Amino acid sequence: MGQWFQKIRERVNIVLFDSKDNVLQFMRIISLLLVSVVLAGVVYFYGFPKTAESIRINTILVRTSLIYFLIRYLIMLFYDFHPRKFIRERWIEGIILFLFFINAVSPVFFEDLLVIKSLRVFVDNHSLLIFQAYFLLIALLELRFTAPKISSINIGPAKLLVLSFVVLILGGTSLLMLPEMTHSHDIRFLDALFTATSASCVTGLSVLDTATFFTFKGQLIIMILIQLGGINIISFAAFFAIMSKRMGGLKYQSILKDLLSAEQLSDTKSLLRNILKWTLIIEIVGSVLLFFSWEDIEFASRGDKIFSSIFHSISAFNNGGFSLFSDNLLMIGEKNMQMFQLIIMGLILAGGIGFFVLQDIFGVRKIQERFRFRWKEYSVMTRITMRMTFILIGIGTVGFFFLEQETALKSKEIGEQILTAFFQSVSTRTAGFNTVDMSVLSVPILMLFMMLMFIGAGSGSTGGGIKITTFAIVIKA
């Protein structure tokens, strides 16, 4: 039976061979056009005031696209010479489309089931949101299989890196200029460009009050820009390419070697598999800890509290410096919320020491090796980064503590003074949060802080500056 089926399949493959490339190429073009149109529709839907007509049109667009992707998946499965391998490689897409199919046919075949009736109430109330989520997941999967094609572009690694940030900044600027992103429904192009650039390049500078000027949607866009800018858009796209096992060119590895300061080209593949893992784990843990550390800070709803926790966790880990409070974290300092400040400092340090150092210190394999071989030490880069980090933080803390006794620390008790000095030293070097009024700081401490900002964070980190390792080499030279 198996041999008979295999012979039939071989004959089918021979018949399909001549038309396979043309059909798949045609579907790729249709997919690109459809994704572009539907994405534009989704952006319009959330960027402009909703109307009954916009809801109807967006629903039609999203459902049509999902029906197309379901049909395309079946056609690609039929045309593939190795169906089982195809299903294994695109299992996520298959599950998403299967859920969409079940969601579409359940009212016809399973309407009488009580469980289905209960689910239908939820689905009917959130149908468009669910379909949009399906579509966005499919669009991300399309990016996963399209990202390796970037390597065919005849452009150098440095130019490609700059181009990625230009695209991110211009995209963020366009989104921030949509009416629904601000309470006033209007923002100047220069203000939107500055905000998008600052968020993407994780500087923390802002010409507008993030807390009051932007709506939830605008704040969400800023948070996404901070996230993508922090881990870098190139490594983000390359992650999907590597996970799909379709990227093997030296060009991509060269880009990532320069970007992440990798010591060897072979290091980049294993590191990229862990970038998203480290980012998600640290930011999720940070969000949970922050959620329980707000103490007497009041929020309009639990949803606002959750979003604020996630926003500040992402902003801190990526050394973004953006806050959802008008005075940054000044209120946190005035209320002496010690646990909150310690969590923020931990996130800043985790993002500022670099992915290589995180992997070397906390990687399971690295820990096992050090237990097995007691003589095995941390890498030179890790030792330099951690040693210089503590030295610079110590200098900043001591300097702030003694230089600001008559200004920023005057009204605080000794314990609060130490914590404030420690926080400002950690934050100023790479992030940009503040728990004191920066306008009252003396010139000497400002000069010291400028030096710390100039040196910045570790190599391959989310922070800026000339990098700790560079500074250490200059000192040793």
Protein backbone atom coordinates (compact mmCIF):
# COMPACT_ATOMS: atom_id res chain seq x y z
CA MET A 1 0.00 0.00 0.00
CA GLY A 2 2.82 2.37 0.93
CA GLN A 3 4.77 1.63 -2.25
CA TRP A 4 1.63 2.09 -4.35
CA PHE A 5 0.96 5.47 -2.78
CA GLN A 6 4.60 6.49 -3.25
CA LYS A 7 4.46 5.64 -6.96
CA ILE A 8 1.30 7.71 -7.39
CA ARG A 9 2.93 10.59 -5.55
CA GLU A 10 6.02 10.38 -7.79
CA ARG A 11 3.84 10.54 -10.91
CA VAL A 12 1.96 13.52 -9.48
CA ASN A 13 5.27 15.26 -8.73
CA ILE A 14 6.39 14.75 -12.33
CA VAL A 15 3.15 16.27 -13.62
CA LEU A 16 3.40 19.22 -11.22
CA PHE A 17 7.09 19.87 -11.76
CA ASP A 18 6.75 22.13 -14.82
CA SER A 19 4.13 24.39 -13.23
CA LYS A 20 5.45 24.42 -9.66
CA ASP A 21 7.81 27.40 -9.89
CA ASN A 22 5.32 29.58 -11.77
CA VAL A 23 2.47 28.81 -9.38
CA LEU A 24 4.56 29.42 -6.26
CA GLN A 25 5.99 32.65 -7.69
CA PHE A 26 2.49 33.87 -8.54
CA MET A 27 1.29 33.09 -5.01
CA ARG A 28 4.29 34.92 -3.51
CA ILE A 29 3.38 38.05 -5.47
CA ILE A 30 -0.27 37.81 -4.44
CA SER A 31 0.76 37.24 -0.82
CA LEU A 32 2.98 40.32 -0.83
CA LEU A 33 0.26 42.52 -2.33
CA LEU A 34 -2.41 41.13 -0.03
CA VAL A 35 -0.30 41.53 3.12
CA SER A 36 0.52 45.12 2.12
CA VAL A 37 -3.14 46.01 1.51
CA VAL A 38 -4.43 44.35 4.68
CA LEU A 39 -1.65 45.82 6.83
CA ALA A 40 -2.55 49.26 5.48
CA GLY A 41 -6.17 48.52 6.35
CA VAL A 42 -5.27 47.46 9.91
CA VAL A 43 -3.13 50.59 10.37
CA TYR A 44 -5.99 52.77 9.12
CA PHE A 45 -8.44 50.93 11.39
CA TYR A 46 -6.44 51.64 14.54
CA GLY A 47 -4.96 54.96 13.45
CA PHE A 48 -8.19 56.76 12.60
CA PRO A 49 -11.55 57.06 14.42
CA LYS A 50 -13.62 53.91 13.92
CA THR A 51 -16.83 53.95 11.91
CA ALA A 52 -19.29 51.20 11.01
CA GLU A 53 -17.98 51.29 7.44
CA SER A 54 -14.31 50.99 8.48
CA ILE A 55 -15.15 48.03 10.72
CA ARG A 56 -17.03 46.31 7.89
CA ILE A 57 -14.27 46.88 5.32
CA ASN A 58 -11.51 45.78 7.70
CA THR A 59 -13.42 42.63 8.59
CA ILE A 60 -13.81 41.75 4.91
CA LEU A 61 -10.13 42.43 4.18
CA VAL A 62 -8.82 40.36 7.08
CA ARG A 63 -11.17 37.42 6.49
CA THR A 64 -10.42 37.41 2.76
CA SER A 65 -6.68 37.36 3.44
CA LEU A 66 -7.02 34.46 5.87
CA ILE A 67 -9.12 32.48 3.38
CA TYR A 68 -6.45 33.11 0.76
CA PHE A 69 -3.64 31.98 3.09
CA LEU A 70 -5.59 28.84 3.95
CA ILE A 71 -6.02 28.01 0.25
CA ARG A 72 -2.38 28.89 -0.44
CA TYR A 73 -1.21 26.61 2.36
CA LEU A 74 -3.12 23.68 0.89
CA ILE A 75 -1.80 24.41 -2.63
CA MET A 76 1.79 24.66 -1.35
CA LEU A 77 1.30 21.40 0.55
CA PHE A 78 0.01 19.75 -2.62
CA TYR A 79 2.91 21.05 -4.72
CA ASP A 80 5.62 20.19 -2.21
CA PHE A 81 7.57 17.04 -3.05
CA HIS A 82 8.01 16.29 0.66
CA PRO A 83 4.63 17.01 2.34
CA ARG A 84 5.64 15.75 5.78
CA LYS A 85 8.71 17.97 5.84
CA PHE A 86 6.58 20.91 4.69
CA ILE A 87 4.12 20.34 7.56
CA ARG A 88 6.97 20.10 10.09
CA GLU A 89 8.61 23.30 8.84
CA ARG A 90 5.38 25.31 8.72
CA TRP A 91 3.55 23.77 11.66
CA ILE A 92 2.84 27.12 13.33
CA GLU A 93 1.19 28.46 10.19
CA GLY A 94 -0.78 25.23 9.92
CA ILE A 95 -2.10 25.49 13.48
CA ILE A 96 -3.13 29.15 13.02
CA LEU A 97 -4.98 28.40 9.78
CA PHE A 98 -6.56 25.31 11.34
CA LEU A 99 -7.89 27.44 14.21
CA PHE A 100 -9.25 29.95 11.72
CA PHE A 101 -10.94 27.12 9.80
CA ILE A 102 -12.48 25.69 12.97
CA ASN A 103 -13.65 29.15 13.98
CA ALA A 104 -15.30 29.58 10.58
CA VAL A 105 -17.09 26.21 10.36
CA SER A 106 -18.05 25.71 14.02
CA PRO A 107 -21.34 27.66 13.75
CA VAL A 108 -22.45 25.40 10.89
CA PHE A 109 -21.58 21.97 12.32
CA PHE A 110 -21.37 22.43 16.10
CA GLU A 111 -23.91 25.14 16.89
CA ASP A 112 -25.92 22.93 19.26
CA LEU A 113 -23.00 22.18 21.58
CA LEU A 114 -23.15 24.19 24.82
CA VAL A 115 -19.38 24.75 24.87
CA ILE A 116 -19.45 26.04 21.30
CA LYS A 117 -22.31 28.38 22.16
CA SER A 118 -20.33 29.82 25.07
CA LEU A 119 -17.26 30.28 22.89
CA ARG A 120 -19.35 31.85 20.13
CA VAL A 121 -20.43 34.63 22.49
CA PHE A 122 -16.81 35.53 23.14
CA VAL A 123 -15.76 35.12 19.49
CA ASP A 124 -18.66 37.18 18.17
CA ASN A 125 -17.80 40.03 20.55
CA HIS A 126 -14.13 39.97 19.58
CA SER A 127 -14.25 38.45 16.10
CA LEU A 128 -12.39 41.24 14.29
CA LEU A 129 -9.66 41.36 16.94
CA ILE A 130 -9.23 37.57 16.75
CA PHE A 131 -9.04 37.61 12.94
CA GLN A 132 -6.56 40.49 13.04
CA ALA A 133 -4.41 38.52 15.49
CA TYR A 134 -4.51 35.51 13.14
CA PHE A 135 -3.51 37.73 10.22
CA LEU A 136 -0.64 39.44 12.06
CA LEU A 137 0.76 36.07 13.11
CA ILE A 138 0.61 34.89 9.50
CA ALA A 139 2.29 38.14 8.39
CA LEU A 140 5.10 37.57 10.90
CA LEU A 141 5.54 34.04 9.59
CA GLU A 142 5.77 35.48 6.08
CA LEU A 143 8.57 37.70 7.39
CA ARG A 144 10.24 34.62 8.80
CA PHE A 145 10.44 33.01 5.35
CA THR A 146 11.18 36.28 3.54
CA ALA A 147 13.96 37.61 5.80
CA PRO A 148 16.73 35.43 4.28
CA LYS A 149 16.13 37.06 0.90
CA ILE A 150 17.58 40.29 2.34
CA SER A 151 21.01 38.69 2.03
CA SER A 152 20.67 38.85 -1.76
CA ILE A 153 20.59 42.65 -1.67
CA ASN A 154 23.89 44.08 -2.87
CA ILE A 155 24.52 46.37 0.09
CA GLY A 156 27.22 46.38 2.75
CA PRO A 157 26.58 45.38 6.38
CA ALA A 158 27.04 48.92 7.71
CA LYS A 159 24.65 50.40 5.14
CA LEU A 160 22.10 47.67 5.79
CA LEU A 161 22.27 48.38 9.52
CA VAL A 162 21.71 52.12 8.97
CA LEU A 163 18.93 51.40 6.49
CA SER A 164 17.14 49.20 9.02
CA PHE A 165 17.08 52.03 11.56
CA VAL A 166 15.94 54.54 8.93
CA VAL A 167 13.02 52.26 8.02
CA LEU A 168 12.17 51.73 11.70
CA ILE A 169 12.30 55.46 12.48
CA LEU A 170 10.27 56.52 9.43
CA GLY A 171 7.74 53.78 10.10
CA GLY A 172 7.43 54.85 13.73
CA THR A 173 7.10 58.50 12.71
CA SER A 174 4.28 57.67 10.29
CA LEU A 175 2.41 55.69 12.94
CA LEU A 176 2.80 58.38 15.61
CA MET A 177 1.32 60.96 13.24
CA LEU A 178 -1.97 59.05 12.98
CA PRO A 179 -4.89 60.84 14.75
CA GLU A 180 -5.60 58.04 17.25
CA MET A 181 -2.04 58.09 18.62
CA THR A 182 -2.42 61.43 20.43
CA HIS A 183 -5.15 62.95 22.58
CA SER A 184 -5.13 66.12 20.49
CA HIS A 185 -5.33 64.01 17.27
CA ASP A 186 -2.50 66.12 15.91
CA ILE A 187 1.27 66.08 16.19
CA ARG A 188 3.91 67.97 14.24
CA PHE A 189 6.10 65.95 11.89
CA LEU A 190 9.30 67.08 13.63
CA ASP A 191 7.95 66.08 17.06
CA ALA A 192 6.88 62.67 15.77
CA LEU A 193 10.24 62.18 14.04
CA PHE A 194 12.16 63.17 17.18
CA THR A 195 10.10 60.85 19.39
CA ALA A 196 10.43 57.91 16.99
CA THR A 197 14.17 58.48 16.63
CA SER A 198 14.68 58.78 20.38
CA ALA A 199 12.68 55.61 21.06
CA SER A 200 14.35 53.60 18.28
CA CYS A 201 17.83 54.71 19.34
CA VAL A 202 16.90 54.29 23.04
CA THR A 203 18.11 57.74 24.10
CA GLY A 204 15.19 58.57 26.41
CA LEU A 205 15.00 62.16 25.20
CA SER A 206 11.52 63.55 24.59
CA VAL A 207 10.04 66.88 23.54
CA LEU A 208 6.52 65.74 24.47
CA ASP A 209 4.99 64.36 27.64
CA THR A 210 4.67 60.64 26.94
CA ALA A 211 2.20 60.24 29.80
CA THR A 212 -0.35 62.86 28.77
CA PHE A 213 0.24 63.71 25.10
CA PHE A 214 0.03 60.18 23.68
CA THR A 215 -2.91 57.81 23.92
CA PHE A 216 -2.54 54.15 24.84
CA LYS A 217 -2.00 53.35 21.15
CA GLY A 218 0.73 55.98 20.86
CA GLN A 219 2.45 54.71 23.99
CA LEU A 220 2.24 51.17 22.59
CA ILE A 221 4.00 52.31 19.39
CA ILE A 222 6.74 53.98 21.46
CA MET A 223 7.17 50.79 23.49
CA ILE A 224 7.51 48.71 20.31
CA LEU A 225 10.07 51.16 18.90
CA ILE A 226 12.09 50.90 22.12
CA GLN A 227 11.98 47.10 21.93
CA LEU A 228 12.97 46.85 18.29
CA GLY A 229 15.61 49.54 18.63
CA GLY A 230 17.06 47.95 21.75
CA ILE A 231 17.66 44.49 20.38
CA ASN A 232 18.21 45.92 16.88
CA ILE A 233 15.96 45.31 13.95
CA ILE A 234 18.59 43.34 12.04
CA SER A 235 19.08 40.76 14.80
CA PHE A 236 15.30 40.60 15.23
CA ALA A 237 14.75 39.74 11.57
CA ALA A 238 17.75 37.42 11.50
CA PHE A 239 16.33 35.48 14.44
CA PHE A 240 13.39 34.33 12.33
CA ALA A 241 15.72 33.51 9.46
CA ILE A 242 17.93 31.35 11.66
CA MET A 243 15.01 29.61 13.33
CA SER A 244 13.70 28.64 9.90
CA LYS A 245 17.13 27.14 9.11
CA ARG A 246 17.27 28.98 5.84
CA MET A 247 20.14 31.35 6.55
CA GLY A 248 23.66 30.14 6.11
CA GLY A 249 25.43 32.95 4.28
CA LEU A 250 28.51 34.65 5.66
CA LYS A 251 27.04 38.05 4.78
CA TYR A 252 24.37 37.81 7.47
CA GLN A 253 26.86 36.51 10.00
CA SER A 254 29.22 39.38 9.20
CA ILE A 255 26.45 41.90 9.81
CA LEU A 256 25.62 40.33 13.15
CA LYS A 257 29.26 39.96 14.15
CA ASP A 258 29.74 43.72 13.74
CA LEU A 259 26.41 44.46 15.40
CA LEU A 260 26.82 42.23 18.45
CA SER A 261 30.59 42.48 18.78
CA ALA A 262 30.94 38.73 18.39
CA GLU A 263 34.41 37.32 18.77
CA GLN A 264 33.87 34.66 16.11
CA LEU A 265 31.47 34.30 13.21
CA SER A 266 30.42 30.91 14.56
CA ASP A 267 29.24 32.57 17.78
CA THR A 268 26.48 34.56 16.10
CA LYS A 269 24.14 31.72 15.23
CA SER A 270 24.02 30.27 18.72
CA LEU A 271 23.73 33.75 20.22
CA LEU A 272 20.85 34.82 18.01
CA ARG A 273 18.83 31.82 19.09
CA ASN A 274 19.10 33.12 22.62
CA ILE A 275 18.60 36.86 22.08
CA LEU A 276 14.83 36.68 21.98
CA LYS A 277 14.78 34.08 24.76
CA TRP A 278 16.84 36.25 27.11
CA THR A 279 14.85 39.34 26.20
CA LEU A 280 11.47 37.71 26.79
CA ILE A 281 12.47 36.01 30.04
CA ILE A 282 14.04 39.11 31.58
CA GLU A 283 11.26 41.46 30.47
CA ILE A 284 8.47 39.11 31.58
CA VAL A 285 10.08 38.58 34.99
CA GLY A 286 10.67 42.33 35.26
CA SER A 287 7.05 43.07 34.36
CA VAL A 288 5.72 40.68 37.00
CA LEU A 289 8.02 42.07 39.69
CA LEU A 290 7.13 45.66 38.79
CA PHE A 291 3.42 44.82 38.89
CA PHE A 292 3.73 43.93 42.58
CA SER A 293 6.01 46.85 43.47
CA TRP A 294 3.82 49.85 42.66
CA GLU A 295 2.78 50.10 46.32
CA ASP A 296 0.45 53.11 46.71
CA ILE A 297 0.58 54.29 43.09
CA GLU A 298 -3.02 54.33 41.86
CA PHE A 299 -4.06 53.28 38.36
CA ALA A 300 -7.34 53.76 36.54
CA SER A 301 -7.66 50.00 36.00
CA ARG A 302 -5.79 46.74 36.36
CA GLY A 303 -5.13 46.86 32.62
CA ASP A 304 -3.33 50.21 33.01
CA LYS A 305 -1.24 48.75 35.82
CA ILE A 306 -0.27 45.74 33.69
CA PHE A 307 0.62 47.91 30.68
CA SER A 308 2.63 50.31 32.83
CA SER A 309 4.57 47.38 34.29
CA ILE A 310 5.33 45.98 30.83
CA PHE A 311 6.23 49.42 29.43
CA HIS A 312 8.70 50.25 32.20
CA SER A 313 10.21 46.75 32.10
CA ILE A 314 10.87 47.03 28.36
CA SER A 315 12.07 50.62 28.67
CA ALA A 316 14.46 49.71 31.50
CA PHE A 317 15.89 46.52 29.96
CA ASN A 318 16.43 48.26 26.62
CA ASN A 319 17.90 51.29 28.40
CA GLY A 320 15.20 53.46 26.81
CA GLY A 321 14.62 55.91 29.65
CA PHE A 322 10.98 56.53 28.66
CA SER A 323 8.38 56.60 31.42
CA LEU A 324 4.59 56.83 31.59
CA PHE A 325 4.83 59.49 34.30
CA SER A 326 5.09 63.18 33.47
CA ASP A 327 8.02 63.65 35.85
CA ASN A 328 9.75 60.46 34.72
CA LEU A 329 10.39 58.55 37.99
CA LEU A 330 10.64 61.59 40.26
CA MET A 331 7.46 60.56 42.08
CA ILE A 332 8.96 57.10 42.66
CA GLY A 333 11.94 58.73 44.37
CA GLU A 334 9.78 61.03 46.47
CA LYS A 335 7.70 58.09 47.69
CA ASN A 336 10.92 56.16 48.40
CA MET A 337 9.68 53.07 46.52
CA GLN A 338 12.83 51.05 47.14
CA MET A 339 11.74 47.75 45.58
CA PHE A 340 10.65 49.47 42.36
CA GLN A 341 13.98 51.24 42.04
CA LEU A 342 15.95 48.04 42.68
CA ILE A 343 13.98 46.19 39.98
CA ILE A 344 14.51 48.98 37.47
CA MET A 345 18.24 49.00 38.25
CA GLY A 346 18.40 45.23 37.78
CA LEU A 347 16.73 45.51 34.38
CA ILE A 348 19.03 48.35 33.32
CA LEU A 349 22.11 46.37 34.31
CA ALA A 350 20.84 43.21 32.57
CA GLY A 351 20.33 45.12 29.35
CA GLY A 352 23.51 47.16 29.72
CA ILE A 353 26.10 44.43 30.22
CA GLY A 354 25.40 42.81 26.84
CA PHE A 355 24.00 39.51 25.56
CA PHE A 356 27.43 37.89 25.44
CA VAL A 357 28.00 38.58 29.10
CA LEU A 358 24.50 37.37 30.03
CA GLN A 359 25.11 34.17 28.09
CA ASP A 360 28.52 33.66 29.67
CA ILE A 361 27.28 34.20 33.25
CA PHE A 362 23.78 32.72 33.20
CA GLY A 363 23.83 30.31 30.24
CA VAL A 364 22.98 26.78 31.37
CA ARG A 365 25.80 25.24 29.34
CA LYS A 366 28.31 27.76 30.67
CA ILE A 367 27.25 27.09 34.26
CA GLN A 368 27.53 23.32 33.73
CA GLU A 369 31.02 23.75 32.26
CA ARG A 370 32.17 25.78 35.27
CA PHE A 371 30.80 23.15 37.66
CA ARG A 372 32.52 20.39 35.69
CA PHE A 373 35.78 22.26 35.23
CA ARG A 374 36.47 24.35 38.32
CA TRP A 375 39.44 26.00 36.65
CA LYS A 376 37.30 27.41 33.84
CA GLU A 377 36.94 31.19 34.16
CA TYR A 378 34.60 33.73 32.66
CA SER A 379 35.63 35.10 29.28
CA VAL A 380 37.94 38.10 29.09
CA MET A 381 35.09 40.22 27.75
CA THR A 382 32.85 39.25 30.68
CA ARG A 383 35.52 40.02 33.26
CA ILE A 384 36.33 43.39 31.73
CA THR A 385 32.67 44.33 31.35
CA MET A 386 31.63 43.38 34.89
CA ARG A 387 34.73 44.85 36.52
CA MET A 388 34.43 48.17 34.70
CA THR A 389 30.65 48.27 35.23
CA PHE A 390 31.00 48.05 39.01
CA ILE A 391 33.87 50.54 39.03
CA LEU A 392 31.93 53.11 37.00
CA ILE A 393 28.75 52.62 39.02
CA GLY A 394 30.77 52.94 42.22
CA ILE A 395 32.41 56.17 41.05
CA GLY A 396 29.04 57.59 40.07
CA THR A 397 27.39 56.56 43.34
CA VAL A 398 30.12 57.96 45.58
CA GLY A 399 30.35 61.13 43.51
CA PHE A 400 26.60 61.75 43.60
CA PHE A 401 26.38 60.97 47.31
CA PHE A 402 29.02 63.52 48.34
CA LEU A 403 28.47 66.20 45.69
CA GLU A 404 24.68 66.44 46.09
CA GLN A 405 24.37 66.57 49.88
CA GLU A 406 23.23 70.20 49.77
CA THR A 407 20.98 69.90 46.70
CA ALA A 408 19.18 66.77 45.46
CA LEU A 409 19.85 64.70 48.61
CA LYS A 410 19.32 67.41 51.20
CA SER A 411 15.85 66.36 52.39
CA LYS A 412 16.49 62.60 52.35
CA GLU A 413 17.61 60.23 55.09
CA ILE A 414 20.92 58.39 54.79
CA GLY A 415 19.36 55.18 53.43
CA GLU A 416 17.38 57.08 50.81
CA GLN A 417 20.49 59.06 49.88
CA ILE A 418 22.51 55.90 49.20
CA LEU A 419 19.71 54.31 47.15
CA THR A 420 19.14 57.52 45.17
CA ALA A 421 22.85 57.92 44.45
CA PHE A 422 23.08 54.28 43.39
CA PHE A 423 20.00 54.53 41.16
CA GLN A 424 21.15 57.72 39.43
CA SER A 425 24.60 56.28 38.81
CA VAL A 426 23.17 53.10 37.24
CA SER A 427 20.47 54.88 35.25
CA THR A 428 22.39 57.90 34.00
CA ARG A 429 25.20 55.84 32.49
CA THR A 430 22.98 53.98 30.01
CA ALA A 431 19.22 54.50 30.52
CA GLY A 432 18.12 58.02 31.42
CA PHE A 433 15.57 57.54 34.21
CA ASN A 434 15.67 60.01 37.07
CA THR A 435 14.29 59.93 40.62
CA VAL A 436 15.55 63.44 41.43
CA ASP A 437 15.04 66.86 39.88
CA MET A 438 17.87 67.04 37.35
CA SER A 439 17.65 70.85 37.18
CA VAL A 440 19.02 71.24 40.73
CA LEU A 441 22.12 69.12 40.20
CA SER A 442 25.49 70.82 40.56
CA VAL A 443 27.93 71.30 37.70
CA PRO A 444 30.53 68.78 39.04
CA ILE A 445 28.02 65.90 39.15
CA LEU A 446 26.72 66.83 35.70
CA MET A 447 30.27 66.64 34.37
CA LEU A 448 30.72 63.24 36.04
CA PHE A 449 27.44 62.00 34.58
CA MET A 450 28.45 63.17 31.11
CA MET A 451 31.61 61.11 31.42
CA LEU A 452 29.59 58.05 32.45
CA MET A 453 27.18 58.55 29.53
CA PHE A 454 30.11 58.93 27.15
CA ILE A 455 31.54 55.57 28.25
CA GLY A 456 28.12 53.90 28.25
CA ALA A 457 27.26 50.22 28.33
CA GLY A 458 28.85 46.91 27.40
CA SER A 459 29.45 45.59 23.89
CA GLY A 460 26.48 43.89 22.26
CA SER A 461 24.11 45.47 24.77
CA THR A 462 20.99 47.61 24.45
CA GLY A 463 22.84 50.68 25.77
CA GLY A 464 24.93 53.28 23.97
CA GLY A 465 28.24 55.06 24.51
CA ILE A 466 31.69 54.17 23.23
CA LYS A 467 31.36 50.87 25.18
CA ILE A 468 33.07 49.69 28.33
CA THR A 469 35.51 47.41 26.51
CA THR A 470 36.65 50.28 24.29
CA PHE A 471 37.22 52.47 27.34
CA ALA A 472 39.15 49.69 29.08
CA ILE A 473 41.40 49.21 26.05
CA VAL A 474 42.07 52.96 25.87
CA ILE A 475 43.09 52.96 29.54
CA LYS A 476 45.37 49.93 29.08
CA ALA A 477 46.97 51.34 25.93
